PDB file of all heavy atoms in Angstrom:
ATOM      1  N   ALA A   1       7.836  15.097  -6.791  1.00  0.00           N
ATOM      2  CA  ALA A   1       8.313  14.921  -5.360  1.00  0.00           C
ATOM      3  C   ALA A   1       7.256  14.141  -4.556  1.00  0.00           C
ATOM      4  O   ALA A   1       6.059  14.424  -4.644  1.00  0.00           O
ATOM      5  CB  ALA A   1       8.579  16.243  -4.754  1.00  0.00           C
ATOM      6  N   GLU A   2       7.763  13.237  -3.689  1.00  0.00           N
ATOM      7  CA  GLU A   2       6.854  12.393  -2.974  1.00  0.00           C
ATOM      8  C   GLU A   2       7.233  12.393  -1.515  1.00  0.00           C
ATOM      9  O   GLU A   2       8.312  12.383  -1.112  1.00  0.00           O
ATOM     10  CB  GLU A   2       7.176  10.973  -3.491  1.00  0.00           C
ATOM     11  CG  GLU A   2       6.001   9.906  -3.138  1.00  0.00           C
ATOM     12  CD  GLU A   2       6.305   8.589  -3.802  1.00  0.00           C
ATOM     13  OE1 GLU A   2       5.886   8.357  -5.007  1.00  0.00           O
ATOM     14  OE2 GLU A   2       7.072   7.815  -3.256  1.00  0.00           O
ATOM     15  N   PHE A   3       6.231  12.620  -0.728  1.00  0.00           N
ATOM     16  CA  PHE A   3       6.345  12.748   0.799  1.00  0.00           C
ATOM     17  C   PHE A   3       5.566  11.594   1.457  1.00  0.00           C
ATOM     18  O   PHE A   3       4.402  11.516   1.305  1.00  0.00           O
ATOM     19  CB  PHE A   3       5.954  14.058   1.266  1.00  0.00           C
ATOM     20  CG  PHE A   3       5.945  14.188   2.779  1.00  0.00           C
ATOM     21  CD1 PHE A   3       7.204  14.332   3.403  1.00  0.00           C
ATOM     22  CD2 PHE A   3       4.833  14.158   3.537  1.00  0.00           C
ATOM     23  CE1 PHE A   3       7.342  14.382   4.849  1.00  0.00           C
ATOM     24  CE2 PHE A   3       4.881  14.222   4.939  1.00  0.00           C
ATOM     25  CZ  PHE A   3       6.155  14.359   5.576  1.00  0.00           C
ATOM     26  N   ASN A   4       6.292  10.728   2.201  1.00  0.00           N
ATOM     27  CA  ASN A   4       5.773   9.645   2.952  1.00  0.00           C
ATOM     28  C   ASN A   4       5.258  10.215   4.388  1.00  0.00           C
ATOM     29  O   ASN A   4       6.061  10.902   5.062  1.00  0.00           O
ATOM     30  CB  ASN A   4       6.745   8.559   3.163  1.00  0.00           C
ATOM     31  CG  ASN A   4       7.193   7.951   1.885  1.00  0.00           C
ATOM     32  OD1 ASN A   4       6.340   7.805   0.973  1.00  0.00           O
ATOM     33  ND2 ASN A   4       8.421   7.638   1.774  1.00  0.00           N
ATOM     34  N   PHE A   5       4.109   9.820   4.846  1.00  0.00           N
ATOM     35  CA  PHE A   5       3.678  10.253   6.162  1.00  0.00           C
ATOM     36  C   PHE A   5       4.400   9.567   7.252  1.00  0.00           C
ATOM     37  O   PHE A   5       4.452  10.033   8.371  1.00  0.00           O
ATOM     38  CB  PHE A   5       2.071  10.035   6.197  1.00  0.00           C
ATOM     39  CG  PHE A   5       1.366  11.098   5.502  1.00  0.00           C
ATOM     40  CD1 PHE A   5       1.009  10.898   4.213  1.00  0.00           C
ATOM     41  CD2 PHE A   5       1.029  12.323   6.085  1.00  0.00           C
ATOM     42  CE1 PHE A   5       0.243  11.821   3.457  1.00  0.00           C
ATOM     43  CE2 PHE A   5       0.316  13.301   5.424  1.00  0.00           C
ATOM     44  CZ  PHE A   5      -0.073  13.064   4.080  1.00  0.00           C
ATOM     45  N   PHE A   6       4.833   8.283   6.991  1.00  0.00           N
ATOM     46  CA  PHE A   6       5.618   7.554   7.979  1.00  0.00           C
ATOM     47  C   PHE A   6       6.998   7.332   7.420  1.00  0.00           C
ATOM     48  O   PHE A   6       7.249   7.496   6.256  1.00  0.00           O
ATOM     49  CB  PHE A   6       4.970   6.151   8.305  1.00  0.00           C
ATOM     50  CG  PHE A   6       3.491   6.306   8.770  1.00  0.00           C
ATOM     51  CD1 PHE A   6       2.547   5.411   8.243  1.00  0.00           C
ATOM     52  CD2 PHE A   6       3.115   7.284   9.609  1.00  0.00           C
ATOM     53  CE1 PHE A   6       1.190   5.559   8.644  1.00  0.00           C
ATOM     54  CE2 PHE A   6       1.782   7.438  10.058  1.00  0.00           C
ATOM     55  CZ  PHE A   6       0.912   6.515   9.649  1.00  0.00           C
ATOM     56  N   HIS A   7       7.871   6.820   8.296  1.00  0.00           N
ATOM     57  CA  HIS A   7       9.239   6.419   7.984  1.00  0.00           C
ATOM     58  C   HIS A   7       9.115   5.075   7.082  1.00  0.00           C
ATOM     59  O   HIS A   7       8.999   3.948   7.781  1.00  0.00           O
ATOM     60  CB  HIS A   7      10.103   6.249   9.112  1.00  0.00           C
ATOM     61  CG  HIS A   7      10.563   7.570   9.695  1.00  0.00           C
ATOM     62  ND1 HIS A   7      11.574   7.700  10.615  1.00  0.00           N
ATOM     63  CD2 HIS A   7      10.202   8.856   9.450  1.00  0.00           C
ATOM     64  CE1 HIS A   7      11.737   8.996  10.875  1.00  0.00           C
ATOM     65  NE2 HIS A   7      10.943   9.661  10.194  1.00  0.00           N
ATOM     66  N   TYR A   8       9.138   5.182   5.870  1.00  0.00           N
ATOM     67  CA  TYR A   8       8.917   3.949   5.057  1.00  0.00           C
ATOM     68  C   TYR A   8      10.094   3.106   4.928  1.00  0.00           C
ATOM     69  O   TYR A   8      11.159   3.533   4.413  1.00  0.00           O
ATOM     70  CB  TYR A   8       8.326   4.415   3.630  1.00  0.00           C
ATOM     71  CG  TYR A   8       8.037   3.225   2.819  1.00  0.00           C
ATOM     72  CD1 TYR A   8       6.982   2.356   3.037  1.00  0.00           C
ATOM     73  CD2 TYR A   8       8.807   2.987   1.628  1.00  0.00           C
ATOM     74  CE1 TYR A   8       6.729   1.313   2.237  1.00  0.00           C
ATOM     75  CE2 TYR A   8       8.467   1.875   0.785  1.00  0.00           C
ATOM     76  CZ  TYR A   8       7.420   1.066   1.101  1.00  0.00           C
ATOM     77  OH  TYR A   8       7.205   0.002   0.247  1.00  0.00           O
ATOM     78  N   GLY A   9      10.021   1.888   5.307  1.00  0.00           N
ATOM     79  CA  GLY A   9      11.164   0.986   5.280  1.00  0.00           C
ATOM     80  C   GLY A   9      10.912  -0.332   5.980  1.00  0.00           C
ATOM     81  O   GLY A   9       9.850  -0.541   6.556  1.00  0.00           O
ATOM     82  N   ILE A  10      11.989  -1.191   6.078  1.00  0.00           N
ATOM     83  CA  ILE A  10      11.785  -2.475   6.662  1.00  0.00           C
ATOM     84  C   ILE A  10      13.122  -2.766   7.425  1.00  0.00           C
ATOM     85  O   ILE A  10      14.203  -2.485   6.779  1.00  0.00           O
ATOM     86  CB  ILE A  10      11.424  -3.626   5.693  1.00  0.00           C
ATOM     87  CG1 ILE A  10      11.104  -4.843   6.434  1.00  0.00           C
ATOM     88  CG2 ILE A  10      12.415  -3.760   4.668  1.00  0.00           C
ATOM     89  CD1 ILE A  10      10.572  -5.931   5.525  1.00  0.00           C
ATOM     90  N   GLY A  11      13.084  -3.296   8.620  1.00  0.00           N
ATOM     91  CA  GLY A  11      14.287  -3.738   9.277  1.00  0.00           C
ATOM     92  C   GLY A  11      14.914  -2.746  10.259  1.00  0.00           C
ATOM     93  O   GLY A  11      15.434  -3.195  11.224  1.00  0.00           O
ATOM     94  N   ASP A  12      14.715  -1.390  10.045  1.00  0.00           N
ATOM     95  CA  ASP A  12      15.308  -0.414  10.995  1.00  0.00           C
ATOM     96  C   ASP A  12      14.183  -0.036  12.066  1.00  0.00           C
ATOM     97  O   ASP A  12      13.701   0.998  12.085  1.00  0.00           O
ATOM     98  CB  ASP A  12      15.754   0.828  10.188  1.00  0.00           C
ATOM     99  CG  ASP A  12      16.958   0.514   9.366  1.00  0.00           C
ATOM    100  OD1 ASP A  12      17.468  -0.651   9.391  1.00  0.00           O
ATOM    101  OD2 ASP A  12      17.422   1.395   8.598  1.00  0.00           O
ATOM    102  N   GLY A  13      13.912  -0.950  12.956  1.00  0.00           N
ATOM    103  CA  GLY A  13      12.894  -0.629  13.910  1.00  0.00           C
ATOM    104  C   GLY A  13      13.278   0.430  14.807  1.00  0.00           C
ATOM    105  O   GLY A  13      12.379   1.164  15.273  1.00  0.00           O
ATOM    106  N   TYR A  14      14.597   0.696  15.175  1.00  0.00           N
ATOM    107  CA  TYR A  14      14.890   1.746  16.008  1.00  0.00           C
ATOM    108  C   TYR A  14      14.720   3.085  15.367  1.00  0.00           C
ATOM    109  O   TYR A  14      14.694   4.117  16.086  1.00  0.00           O
ATOM    110  CB  TYR A  14      16.436   1.603  16.490  1.00  0.00           C
ATOM    111  CG  TYR A  14      17.384   1.941  15.436  1.00  0.00           C
ATOM    112  CD1 TYR A  14      18.064   3.062  15.333  1.00  0.00           C
ATOM    113  CD2 TYR A  14      17.681   0.896  14.446  1.00  0.00           C
ATOM    114  CE1 TYR A  14      18.940   3.321  14.391  1.00  0.00           C
ATOM    115  CE2 TYR A  14      18.529   1.145  13.463  1.00  0.00           C
ATOM    116  CZ  TYR A  14      19.264   2.406  13.388  1.00  0.00           C
ATOM    117  OH  TYR A  14      20.112   2.588  12.452  1.00  0.00           O
ATOM    118  N   LYS A  15      14.467   3.131  14.106  1.00  0.00           N
ATOM    119  CA  LYS A  15      14.178   4.374  13.411  1.00  0.00           C
ATOM    120  C   LYS A  15      12.733   4.459  13.131  1.00  0.00           C
ATOM    121  O   LYS A  15      12.296   5.422  12.458  1.00  0.00           O
ATOM    122  CB  LYS A  15      14.954   4.412  12.077  1.00  0.00           C
ATOM    123  CG  LYS A  15      16.474   4.503  12.195  1.00  0.00           C
ATOM    124  CD  LYS A  15      17.096   4.530  10.831  1.00  0.00           C
ATOM    125  CE  LYS A  15      18.643   4.676  11.013  1.00  0.00           C
ATOM    126  NZ  LYS A  15      19.286   4.725   9.646  1.00  0.00           N
ATOM    127  N   ASP A  16      11.966   3.668  13.801  1.00  0.00           N
ATOM    128  CA  ASP A  16      10.463   3.732  13.667  1.00  0.00           C
ATOM    129  C   ASP A  16      10.032   3.518  12.165  1.00  0.00           C
ATOM    130  O   ASP A  16       9.141   4.310  11.762  1.00  0.00           O
ATOM    131  CB  ASP A  16       9.943   5.042  14.284  1.00  0.00           C
ATOM    132  CG  ASP A  16       8.454   4.909  14.492  1.00  0.00           C
ATOM    133  OD1 ASP A  16       7.876   3.848  14.652  1.00  0.00           O
ATOM    134  OD2 ASP A  16       7.732   5.954  14.393  1.00  0.00           O
ATOM    135  N   THR A  17      10.642   2.647  11.509  1.00  0.00           N
ATOM    136  CA  THR A  17      10.320   2.438  10.036  1.00  0.00           C
ATOM    137  C   THR A  17       9.059   1.553  10.068  1.00  0.00           C
ATOM    138  O   THR A  17       8.813   0.748  10.950  1.00  0.00           O
ATOM    139  CB  THR A  17      11.436   1.788   9.281  1.00  0.00           C
ATOM    140  OG1 THR A  17      11.780   0.524   9.956  1.00  0.00           O
ATOM    141  CG2 THR A  17      12.620   2.664   9.154  1.00  0.00           C
ATOM    142  N   ARG A  18       8.234   1.793   9.002  1.00  0.00           N
ATOM    143  CA  ARG A  18       7.006   1.056   8.841  1.00  0.00           C
ATOM    144  C   ARG A  18       6.918   0.478   7.375  1.00  0.00           C
ATOM    145  O   ARG A  18       7.343   1.153   6.480  1.00  0.00           O
ATOM    146  CB  ARG A  18       5.725   1.918   9.066  1.00  0.00           C
ATOM    147  CG  ARG A  18       5.829   2.515  10.447  1.00  0.00           C
ATOM    148  CD  ARG A  18       4.560   3.232  10.809  1.00  0.00           C
ATOM    149  NE  ARG A  18       4.585   4.044  11.974  1.00  0.00           N
ATOM    150  CZ  ARG A  18       3.551   4.584  12.575  1.00  0.00           C
ATOM    151  NH1 ARG A  18       2.405   4.546  11.995  1.00  0.00           N
ATOM    152  NH2 ARG A  18       3.717   5.233  13.734  1.00  0.00           N
ATOM    153  N   ARG A  19       6.304  -0.654   7.297  1.00  0.00           N
ATOM    154  CA  ARG A  19       6.239  -1.408   5.954  1.00  0.00           C
ATOM    155  C   ARG A  19       5.154  -0.747   5.086  1.00  0.00           C
ATOM    156  O   ARG A  19       5.086  -0.990   3.919  1.00  0.00           O
ATOM    157  CB  ARG A  19       5.905  -2.848   6.147  1.00  0.00           C
ATOM    158  CG  ARG A  19       7.024  -3.608   6.951  1.00  0.00           C
ATOM    159  CD  ARG A  19       6.707  -5.088   7.061  1.00  0.00           C
ATOM    160  NE  ARG A  19       6.808  -5.788   5.888  1.00  0.00           N
ATOM    161  CZ  ARG A  19       7.080  -7.028   5.763  1.00  0.00           C
ATOM    162  NH1 ARG A  19       7.312  -7.763   6.879  1.00  0.00           N
ATOM    163  NH2 ARG A  19       7.142  -7.655   4.584  1.00  0.00           N
ATOM    164  N   ILE A  20       4.323   0.049   5.691  1.00  0.00           N
ATOM    165  CA  ILE A  20       3.157   0.707   4.885  1.00  0.00           C
ATOM    166  C   ILE A  20       3.090   2.122   5.260  1.00  0.00           C
ATOM    167  O   ILE A  20       3.360   2.552   6.332  1.00  0.00           O
ATOM    168  CB  ILE A  20       1.871   0.005   5.255  1.00  0.00           C
ATOM    169  CG1 ILE A  20       0.704   0.476   4.309  1.00  0.00           C
ATOM    170  CG2 ILE A  20       1.440   0.266   6.674  1.00  0.00           C
ATOM    171  CD1 ILE A  20      -0.539  -0.330   4.446  1.00  0.00           C
ATOM    172  N   SER A  21       2.852   2.905   4.210  1.00  0.00           N
ATOM    173  CA  SER A  21       2.729   4.425   4.408  1.00  0.00           C
ATOM    174  C   SER A  21       1.922   5.008   3.401  1.00  0.00           C
ATOM    175  O   SER A  21       2.074   4.833   2.162  1.00  0.00           O
ATOM    176  CB  SER A  21       4.169   5.073   4.473  1.00  0.00           C
ATOM    177  OG  SER A  21       4.070   6.452   4.548  1.00  0.00           O
ATOM    178  N   PRO A  22       1.076   5.926   3.795  1.00  0.00           N
ATOM    179  CA  PRO A  22       0.337   6.767   2.791  1.00  0.00           C
ATOM    180  C   PRO A  22       1.269   7.873   2.409  1.00  0.00           C
ATOM    181  O   PRO A  22       2.255   8.215   3.130  1.00  0.00           O
ATOM    182  CB  PRO A  22      -0.873   7.387   3.566  1.00  0.00           C
ATOM    183  CG  PRO A  22      -0.405   7.341   4.979  1.00  0.00           C
ATOM    184  CD  PRO A  22       0.520   6.138   5.116  1.00  0.00           C
ATOM    185  N   TYR A  23       1.145   8.507   1.329  1.00  0.00           N
ATOM    186  CA  TYR A  23       1.968   9.540   0.774  1.00  0.00           C
ATOM    187  C   TYR A  23       1.162  10.579  -0.120  1.00  0.00           C
ATOM    188  O   TYR A  23       0.161  10.297  -0.625  1.00  0.00           O
ATOM    189  CB  TYR A  23       3.239   9.022  -0.014  1.00  0.00           C
ATOM    190  CG  TYR A  23       2.871   8.366  -1.238  1.00  0.00           C
ATOM    191  CD1 TYR A  23       2.862   9.008  -2.540  1.00  0.00           C
ATOM    192  CD2 TYR A  23       2.734   6.856  -1.251  1.00  0.00           C
ATOM    193  CE1 TYR A  23       2.662   8.254  -3.636  1.00  0.00           C
ATOM    194  CE2 TYR A  23       2.433   6.220  -2.392  1.00  0.00           C
ATOM    195  CZ  TYR A  23       2.406   6.910  -3.616  1.00  0.00           C
ATOM    196  OH  TYR A  23       2.174   6.228  -4.799  1.00  0.00           O
ATOM    197  N   ILE A  24       1.793  11.758  -0.309  1.00  0.00           N
ATOM    198  CA  ILE A  24       1.260  12.685  -1.284  1.00  0.00           C
ATOM    199  C   ILE A  24       2.299  12.924  -2.348  1.00  0.00           C
ATOM    200  O   ILE A  24       3.589  12.781  -2.078  1.00  0.00           O
ATOM    201  CB  ILE A  24       0.870  14.044  -0.595  1.00  0.00           C
ATOM    202  CG1 ILE A  24       2.029  14.623   0.115  1.00  0.00           C
ATOM    203  CG2 ILE A  24      -0.357  13.752   0.274  1.00  0.00           C
ATOM    204  CD1 ILE A  24       1.752  15.915   0.809  1.00  0.00           C
ATOM    205  N   VAL A  25       1.941  13.339  -3.564  1.00  0.00           N
ATOM    206  CA  VAL A  25       2.875  13.579  -4.628  1.00  0.00           C
ATOM    207  C   VAL A  25       2.426  14.678  -5.463  1.00  0.00           C
ATOM    208  O   VAL A  25       1.211  14.944  -5.644  1.00  0.00           O
ATOM    209  CB  VAL A  25       2.978  12.272  -5.442  1.00  0.00           C
ATOM    210  CG1 VAL A  25       1.563  11.855  -6.061  1.00  0.00           C
ATOM    211  CG2 VAL A  25       4.002  12.354  -6.467  1.00  0.00           C
ATOM    212  N   ALA A  26       3.345  15.487  -6.010  1.00  0.00           N
ATOM    213  CA  ALA A  26       3.051  16.557  -6.891  1.00  0.00           C
ATOM    214  C   ALA A  26       4.289  16.894  -7.741  1.00  0.00           C
ATOM    215  O   ALA A  26       5.482  16.531  -7.302  1.00  0.00           O
ATOM    216  CB  ALA A  26       2.678  17.776  -6.118  1.00  0.00           C
ATOM    217  N   GLY A  27       4.158  17.428  -8.936  1.00  0.00           N
ATOM    218  CA  GLY A  27       5.306  17.727  -9.746  1.00  0.00           C
ATOM    219  C   GLY A  27       4.945  18.432 -11.024  1.00  0.00           C
ATOM    220  O   GLY A  27       3.973  19.243 -11.113  1.00  0.00           O
ATOM    221  N   ILE A  28       5.642  18.136 -12.095  1.00  0.00           N
ATOM    222  CA  ILE A  28       5.435  18.768 -13.378  1.00  0.00           C
ATOM    223  C   ILE A  28       5.874  17.815 -14.466  1.00  0.00           C
ATOM    224  O   ILE A  28       6.682  16.933 -14.259  1.00  0.00           O
ATOM    225  CB  ILE A  28       6.215  20.114 -13.551  1.00  0.00           C
ATOM    226  CG1 ILE A  28       5.746  20.902 -14.717  1.00  0.00           C
ATOM    227  CG2 ILE A  28       7.743  19.812 -13.583  1.00  0.00           C
ATOM    228  CD1 ILE A  28       6.251  22.325 -14.836  1.00  0.00           C
ATOM    229  N   GLY A  29       5.254  17.944 -15.578  1.00  0.00           N
ATOM    230  CA  GLY A  29       5.561  17.013 -16.648  1.00  0.00           C
ATOM    231  C   GLY A  29       4.909  17.500 -17.996  1.00  0.00           C
ATOM    232  O   GLY A  29       4.545  18.668 -18.177  1.00  0.00           O
ATOM    233  N   PHE A  30       4.719  16.526 -18.908  1.00  0.00           N
ATOM    234  CA  PHE A  30       4.035  16.953 -20.223  1.00  0.00           C
ATOM    235  C   PHE A  30       3.098  15.761 -20.584  1.00  0.00           C
ATOM    236  O   PHE A  30       3.340  14.552 -20.203  1.00  0.00           O
ATOM    237  CB  PHE A  30       5.027  17.268 -21.277  1.00  0.00           C
ATOM    238  CG  PHE A  30       5.847  16.107 -21.864  1.00  0.00           C
ATOM    239  CD1 PHE A  30       5.253  15.232 -22.706  1.00  0.00           C
ATOM    240  CD2 PHE A  30       7.116  15.877 -21.335  1.00  0.00           C
ATOM    241  CE1 PHE A  30       6.090  14.185 -23.251  1.00  0.00           C
ATOM    242  CE2 PHE A  30       7.802  14.738 -21.822  1.00  0.00           C
ATOM    243  CZ  PHE A  30       7.349  13.953 -22.806  1.00  0.00           C
ATOM    244  N   SER A  31       2.232  16.108 -21.388  1.00  0.00           N
ATOM    245  CA  SER A  31       1.259  15.083 -21.967  1.00  0.00           C
ATOM    246  C   SER A  31       1.171  15.348 -23.409  1.00  0.00           C
ATOM    247  O   SER A  31       1.075  16.441 -23.860  1.00  0.00           O
ATOM    248  CB  SER A  31      -0.104  15.095 -21.318  1.00  0.00           C
ATOM    249  OG  SER A  31      -0.680  16.386 -21.467  1.00  0.00           O
ATOM    250  N   ALA A  32       1.051  14.247 -24.265  1.00  0.00           N
ATOM    251  CA  ALA A  32       1.028  14.367 -25.687  1.00  0.00           C
ATOM    252  C   ALA A  32      -0.020  13.377 -26.180  1.00  0.00           C
ATOM    253  O   ALA A  32      -0.063  12.314 -25.730  1.00  0.00           O
ATOM    254  CB  ALA A  32       2.396  14.118 -26.282  1.00  0.00           C
TER     255      ALA A  32
END
């Protein structure tokens, strides 16, 4: 799961979207 600190996007200025955003990520998987 990934969470963007800003509204990540382009073109929707009225939604305060930004072309750049830091984010955090965490989940589950496997390694072999």
